C-alpha atoms as a PDB file:
ATOM      1  CA  UNK A   1     -80.836 125.724 -29.741  1.00  0.00           C
ATOM      2  CA  UNK A   2     -79.759 122.860 -27.465  1.00  0.00           C
ATOM      3  CA  UNK A   3     -81.377 119.612 -27.373  1.00  0.00           C
ATOM      4  CA  UNK A   4     -80.669 117.651 -24.183  1.00  0.00           C
ATOM      5  CA  UNK A   5     -81.656 113.855 -23.542  1.00  0.00           C
ATOM      6  CA  UNK A   6     -82.672 112.591 -20.474  1.00  0.00           C
ATOM      7  CA  UNK A   7     -82.100 108.838 -19.707  1.00  0.00           C
ATOM      8  CA  UNK A   8     -84.403 107.188 -16.954  1.00  0.00           C
ATOM      9  CA  UNK A   9     -84.972 103.573 -15.719  1.00  0.00           C
ATOM     10  CA  UNK A  10     -88.542 102.116 -16.789  1.00  0.00           C
ATOM     11  CA  UNK A  11     -89.389 102.493 -13.373  1.00  0.00           C
ATOM     12  CA  UNK A  12     -88.497 105.745 -12.870  1.00  0.00           C
ATOM     13  CA  UNK A  13     -90.639 106.666 -15.636  1.00  0.00           C
ATOM     14  CA  UNK A  14     -93.557 105.071 -14.576  1.00  0.00           C
ATOM     15  CA  UNK A  15     -93.189 106.215 -10.956  1.00  0.00           C
ATOM     16  CA  UNK A  16     -93.010 110.014 -12.399  1.00  0.00           C
ATOM     17  CA  UNK A  17     -96.375 109.299 -14.571  1.00  0.00           C
ATOM     18  CA  UNK A  18     -97.796 108.644 -11.495  1.00  0.00           C
ATOM     19  CA  UNK A  19     -97.307 111.751 -10.111  1.00  0.00           C
ATOM     20  CA  UNK A  20     -97.333 114.311 -13.390  1.00  0.00           C
ATOM     21  CA  UNK A  21     -99.622 113.450 -16.503  1.00  0.00           C
ATOM     22  CA  UNK A  22     -96.798 114.830 -18.701  1.00  0.00           C
ATOM     23  CA  UNK A  23     -93.443 113.857 -17.577  1.00  0.00           C
ATOM     24  CA  UNK A  24     -91.498 115.976 -20.372  1.00  0.00           C
ATOM     25  CA  UNK A  25     -93.703 118.969 -19.679  1.00  0.00           C
ATOM     26  CA  UNK A  26     -92.365 118.498 -15.723  1.00  0.00           C
ATOM     27  CA  UNK A  27     -88.771 118.410 -16.733  1.00  0.00           C
ATOM     28  CA  UNK A  28     -89.021 121.456 -19.244  1.00  0.00           C
ATOM     29  CA  UNK A  29     -90.815 123.546 -16.742  1.00  0.00           C
ATOM     30  CA  UNK A  30     -88.230 122.713 -14.313  1.00  0.00           C
ATOM     31  CA  UNK A  31     -85.582 123.892 -16.298  1.00  0.00           C
ATOM     32  CA  UNK A  32     -87.239 127.103 -17.418  1.00  0.00           C
ATOM     33  CA  UNK A  33     -87.891 127.845 -13.685  1.00  0.00           C
ATOM     34  CA  UNK A  34     -84.069 127.102 -12.587  1.00  0.00           C
ATOM     35  CA  UNK A  35     -82.906 128.942 -15.610  1.00  0.00           C
ATOM     36  CA  UNK A  36     -85.196 132.101 -14.744  1.00  0.00           C
ATOM     37  CA  UNK A  37     -83.346 132.031 -11.375  1.00  0.00           C
ATOM     38  CA  UNK A  38     -80.003 131.807 -12.468  1.00  0.00           C
ATOM     39  CA  UNK A  39     -80.361 134.537 -14.994  1.00  0.00           C
ATOM     40  CA  UNK A  40     -81.619 136.683 -12.482  1.00  0.00           C
ATOM     41  CA  UNK A  41     -78.775 135.987 -10.305  1.00  0.00           C
ATOM     42  CA  UNK A  42     -76.517 136.805 -13.262  1.00  0.00           C
ATOM     43  CA  UNK A  43     -78.065 139.921 -14.499  1.00  0.00           C
ATOM     44  CA  UNK A  44     -77.943 141.373 -10.845  1.00  0.00           C
ATOM     45  CA  UNK A  45     -74.299 140.691 -10.571  1.00  0.00           C
ATOM     46  CA  UNK A  46     -73.690 141.956 -14.386  1.00  0.00           C
ATOM     47  CA  UNK A  47     -75.148 145.396 -13.406  1.00  0.00           C
ATOM     48  CA  UNK A  48     -74.055 145.875  -9.998  1.00  0.00           C
ATOM     49  CA  UNK A  49     -70.609 145.577 -11.720  1.00  0.00           C
ATOM     50  CA  UNK A  50     -71.577 147.443 -14.682  1.00  0.00           C
ATOM     51  CA  UNK A  51     -72.893 150.108 -12.533  1.00  0.00           C
ATOM     52  CA  UNK A  52     -69.631 150.255 -10.214  1.00  0.00           C
ATOM     53  CA  UNK A  53     -67.255 150.464 -13.147  1.00  0.00           C
ATOM     54  CA  UNK A  54     -69.120 152.771 -15.493  1.00  0.00           C
ATOM     55  CA  UNK A  55     -69.462 149.703 -17.940  1.00  0.00           C
ATOM     56  CA  UNK A  56     -72.196 149.999 -20.824  1.00  0.00           C
ATOM     57  CA  UNK A  57     -74.389 147.230 -20.092  1.00  0.00           C
ATOM     58  CA  UNK A  58     -75.230 145.083 -23.241  1.00  0.00           C
ATOM     59  CA  UNK A  59     -78.819 145.204 -24.999  1.00  0.00           C
ATOM     60  CA  UNK A  60     -80.559 141.795 -24.446  1.00  0.00           C
ATOM     61  CA  UNK A  61     -80.368 139.263 -22.188  1.00  0.00           C
ATOM     62  CA  UNK A  62     -78.354 136.768 -24.374  1.00  0.00           C
ATOM     63  CA  UNK A  63     -75.783 139.448 -25.115  1.00  0.00           C
ATOM     64  CA  UNK A  64     -76.064 140.415 -21.287  1.00  0.00           C
ATOM     65  CA  UNK A  65     -75.167 136.667 -20.462  1.00  0.00           C
ATOM     66  CA  UNK A  66     -72.489 136.501 -22.878  1.00  0.00           C
ATOM     67  CA  UNK A  67     -71.003 140.138 -21.234  1.00  0.00           C
ATOM     68  CA  UNK A  68     -71.024 138.343 -17.932  1.00  0.00           C
ATOM     69  CA  UNK A  69     -68.578 135.684 -19.186  1.00  0.00           C
ATOM     70  CA  UNK A  70     -66.268 137.914 -21.156  1.00  0.00           C
ATOM     71  CA  UNK A  71     -66.378 140.083 -17.798  1.00  0.00           C
ATOM     72  CA  UNK A  72     -65.260 136.702 -15.858  1.00  0.00           C
ATOM     73  CA  UNK A  73     -68.679 137.261 -13.433  1.00  0.00           C
ATOM     74  CA  UNK A  74     -69.587 133.738 -14.192  1.00  0.00           C
ATOM     75  CA  UNK A  75     -67.970 130.850 -15.764  1.00  0.00           C
ATOM     76  CA  UNK A  76     -68.911 127.236 -16.892  1.00  0.00           C
ATOM     77  CA  UNK A  77     -69.078 125.008 -14.009  1.00  0.00           C
ATOM     78  CA  UNK A  78     -66.548 122.610 -13.603  1.00  0.00           C
ATOM     79  CA  UNK A  79     -67.250 120.104 -10.593  1.00  0.00           C
ATOM     80  CA  UNK A  80     -68.460 117.025 -11.287  1.00  0.00           C
ATOM     81  CA  UNK A  81     -72.020 116.757 -10.043  1.00  0.00           C
ATOM     82  CA  UNK A  82     -72.635 113.368  -8.466  1.00  0.00           C
ATOM     83  CA  UNK A  83     -74.869 110.939 -10.209  1.00  0.00           C
ATOM     84  CA  UNK A  84     -77.975 110.003  -7.962  1.00  0.00           C
ATOM     85  CA  UNK A  85     -78.508 106.170  -7.497  1.00  0.00           C
ATOM     86  CA  UNK A  86     -80.605 104.707 -10.385  1.00  0.00           C
END
């Protein structure tokens, strides 16, 4: 399991605390939601590819995402994401 650390200025933390009672939970929820959207995109692409090419689909989401990588349907992002001003 990956552990990701987020760094922000004190004023950023305080601003978020004025809207969200649990800032950590807000970020975890955001990541979970974004993952679910991306997972669906990946699995849709994998299923379509496997059906078109008569390839057996791996069992389980983790194995299916690995299979999508191995079939070059997805790859690790390489473009630098611009940083937002602090």
